[in-house]
Amino acid sequence: MNERDVVKELARRTSLTEETAAEVLHAMHELVDEGAVRADALPIAPQPHEARPDDPGVVDRLIARAKRHPLGIEFLVSGFLATVAITLGAHAFTVEAARRRLEKEQQHPEESPE
């Protein structure tokens, strides 16, 4: 996503105008640039990975988030890789690992944990 796309998405999700969303995003950048806030303190900062992107626990959490998300599990399975990763807050490799697992479970449902 480029900055324009981020502004549009912020506006859509918050019901703010795009102009207001752009101002908020700009203000957040200024806070970081001025040193008033550390980038890793912002809720949008990437979280440190506690494990490899293909770790089964990380994949489990991604699948659980996808099931709770309005776009659902189908979005995780078939959405554009970068969009899915950004929307669900995951590493692209985790998205790919989840897709492989879900495909395997689809092919062999008797082996699935549910």
Protein backbone atom coordinates (compact mmCIF):
# COMPACT_ATOMS: atom_id res chain seq x y z
CA MET A 1 0.00 0.00 0.00
CA ASN A 2 1.26 3.44 -0.79
CA GLU A 3 0.47 6.46 1.40
CA ARG A 4 -2.56 7.43 -0.69
CA ASP A 5 -4.01 3.93 -0.30
CA VAL A 6 -3.36 4.01 3.45
CA VAL A 7 -5.20 7.33 3.73
CA LYS A 8 -8.17 5.94 1.78
CA GLU A 9 -8.28 2.84 3.96
CA LEU A 10 -8.03 4.86 7.17
CA ALA A 11 -10.87 7.07 5.99
CA ARG A 12 -13.00 4.07 5.09
CA ARG A 13 -12.41 2.32 8.40
CA THR A 14 -12.89 5.36 10.61
CA SER A 15 -15.54 7.31 8.69
CA LEU A 16 -13.19 10.30 8.68
CA THR A 17 -12.75 12.34 5.55
CA GLU A 18 -9.67 11.49 3.52
CA GLU A 19 -8.34 14.96 4.32
CA THR A 20 -8.65 14.34 8.07
CA ALA A 21 -7.17 10.84 7.78
CA ALA A 22 -4.21 12.29 5.86
CA GLU A 23 -3.70 14.91 8.59
CA VAL A 24 -3.72 12.25 11.30
CA LEU A 25 -1.25 10.11 9.40
CA HIS A 26 0.97 13.15 8.78
CA ALA A 27 0.82 14.08 12.48
CA MET A 28 1.89 10.55 13.45
CA HIS A 29 4.85 10.77 11.09
CA GLU A 30 5.81 14.15 12.60
CA LEU A 31 5.67 12.76 16.14
CA VAL A 32 8.11 10.04 15.14
CA ASP A 33 10.34 12.41 13.16
CA GLU A 34 10.50 14.86 16.07
CA GLY A 35 11.42 12.09 18.47
CA ALA A 36 8.32 12.68 20.58
CA VAL A 37 7.25 9.08 20.03
CA ARG A 38 9.30 6.02 19.20
CA ALA A 39 8.06 4.31 16.03
CA ASP A 40 7.91 0.96 17.84
CA ALA A 41 5.56 2.50 20.43
CA LEU A 42 2.88 3.18 17.82
CA PRO A 43 0.16 0.55 17.58
CA ILE A 44 0.86 0.31 13.85
CA ALA A 45 4.52 -0.54 14.28
CA PRO A 46 5.50 -4.05 13.24
CA GLN A 47 5.56 -6.32 16.23
CA PRO A 48 8.72 -8.30 16.89
CA HIS A 49 8.40 -11.85 15.68
CA GLU A 50 8.47 -14.29 18.54
CA ALA A 51 9.01 -17.15 16.12
CA ARG A 52 9.65 -17.94 12.49
CA PRO A 53 6.87 -16.88 10.10
CA ASP A 54 6.02 -20.52 9.39
CA ASP A 55 5.93 -21.54 13.06
CA PRO A 56 2.73 -23.56 13.66
CA GLY A 57 1.60 -21.30 16.51
CA VAL A 58 2.03 -18.17 14.39
CA VAL A 59 0.08 -19.84 11.58
CA ASP A 60 -2.65 -20.88 14.06
CA ARG A 61 -3.05 -17.29 15.24
CA LEU A 62 -3.27 -16.00 11.67
CA ILE A 63 -5.97 -18.52 10.77
CA ALA A 64 -7.89 -17.58 13.92
CA ARG A 65 -7.66 -13.86 13.00
CA ALA A 66 -8.88 -14.62 9.48
CA LYS A 67 -11.88 -16.52 10.86
CA ARG A 68 -12.84 -13.51 13.00
CA HIS A 69 -12.21 -10.94 10.25
CA PRO A 70 -15.19 -9.69 8.22
CA LEU A 71 -13.54 -10.87 4.98
CA GLY A 72 -13.17 -14.34 6.45
CA ILE A 73 -11.06 -17.36 5.73
CA GLU A 74 -11.71 -17.15 1.99
CA PHE A 75 -9.81 -13.85 1.96
CA LEU A 76 -6.84 -15.54 3.62
CA VAL A 77 -6.95 -18.34 1.07
CA SER A 78 -7.45 -16.39 -2.14
CA GLY A 79 -6.77 -12.69 -1.53
CA PHE A 80 -3.76 -10.91 -3.03
CA LEU A 81 -0.79 -11.95 -0.88
CA ALA A 82 0.38 -8.46 0.13
CA THR A 83 -3.17 -7.27 0.85
CA VAL A 84 -3.89 -10.30 3.02
CA ALA A 85 -0.62 -9.88 4.92
CA ILE A 86 -1.25 -6.18 5.60
CA THR A 87 -4.93 -6.57 6.42
CA LEU A 88 -4.41 -9.47 8.81
CA GLY A 89 -1.16 -8.13 10.26
CA ALA A 90 0.99 -11.06 9.22
CA HIS A 91 4.24 -11.77 7.42
CA ALA A 92 3.75 -12.86 3.79
CA PHE A 93 5.52 -16.13 4.59
CA THR A 94 2.97 -16.78 7.35
CA VAL A 95 0.14 -16.20 4.89
CA GLU A 96 1.72 -18.70 2.51
CA ALA A 97 2.20 -21.24 5.32
CA ALA A 98 -1.44 -20.83 6.36
CA ARG A 99 -2.58 -21.30 2.78
CA ARG A 100 -0.53 -24.50 2.47
CA ARG A 101 -1.99 -25.83 5.73
CA LEU A 102 -5.56 -24.97 4.77
CA GLU A 103 -5.08 -26.56 1.34
CA LYS A 104 -3.70 -29.71 2.95
CA GLU A 105 -6.62 -29.83 5.39
CA GLN A 106 -9.03 -29.39 2.48
CA GLN A 107 -7.42 -32.33 0.64
CA HIS A 108 -7.22 -34.54 3.76
CA PRO A 109 -10.02 -33.47 6.15
CA GLU A 110 -9.58 -36.59 8.31
CA GLU A 111 -6.16 -35.26 9.39
CA SER A 112 -7.37 -31.79 10.32
CA PRO A 113 -7.37 -30.88 14.04
CA GLU A 114 -11.02 -29.78 14.05
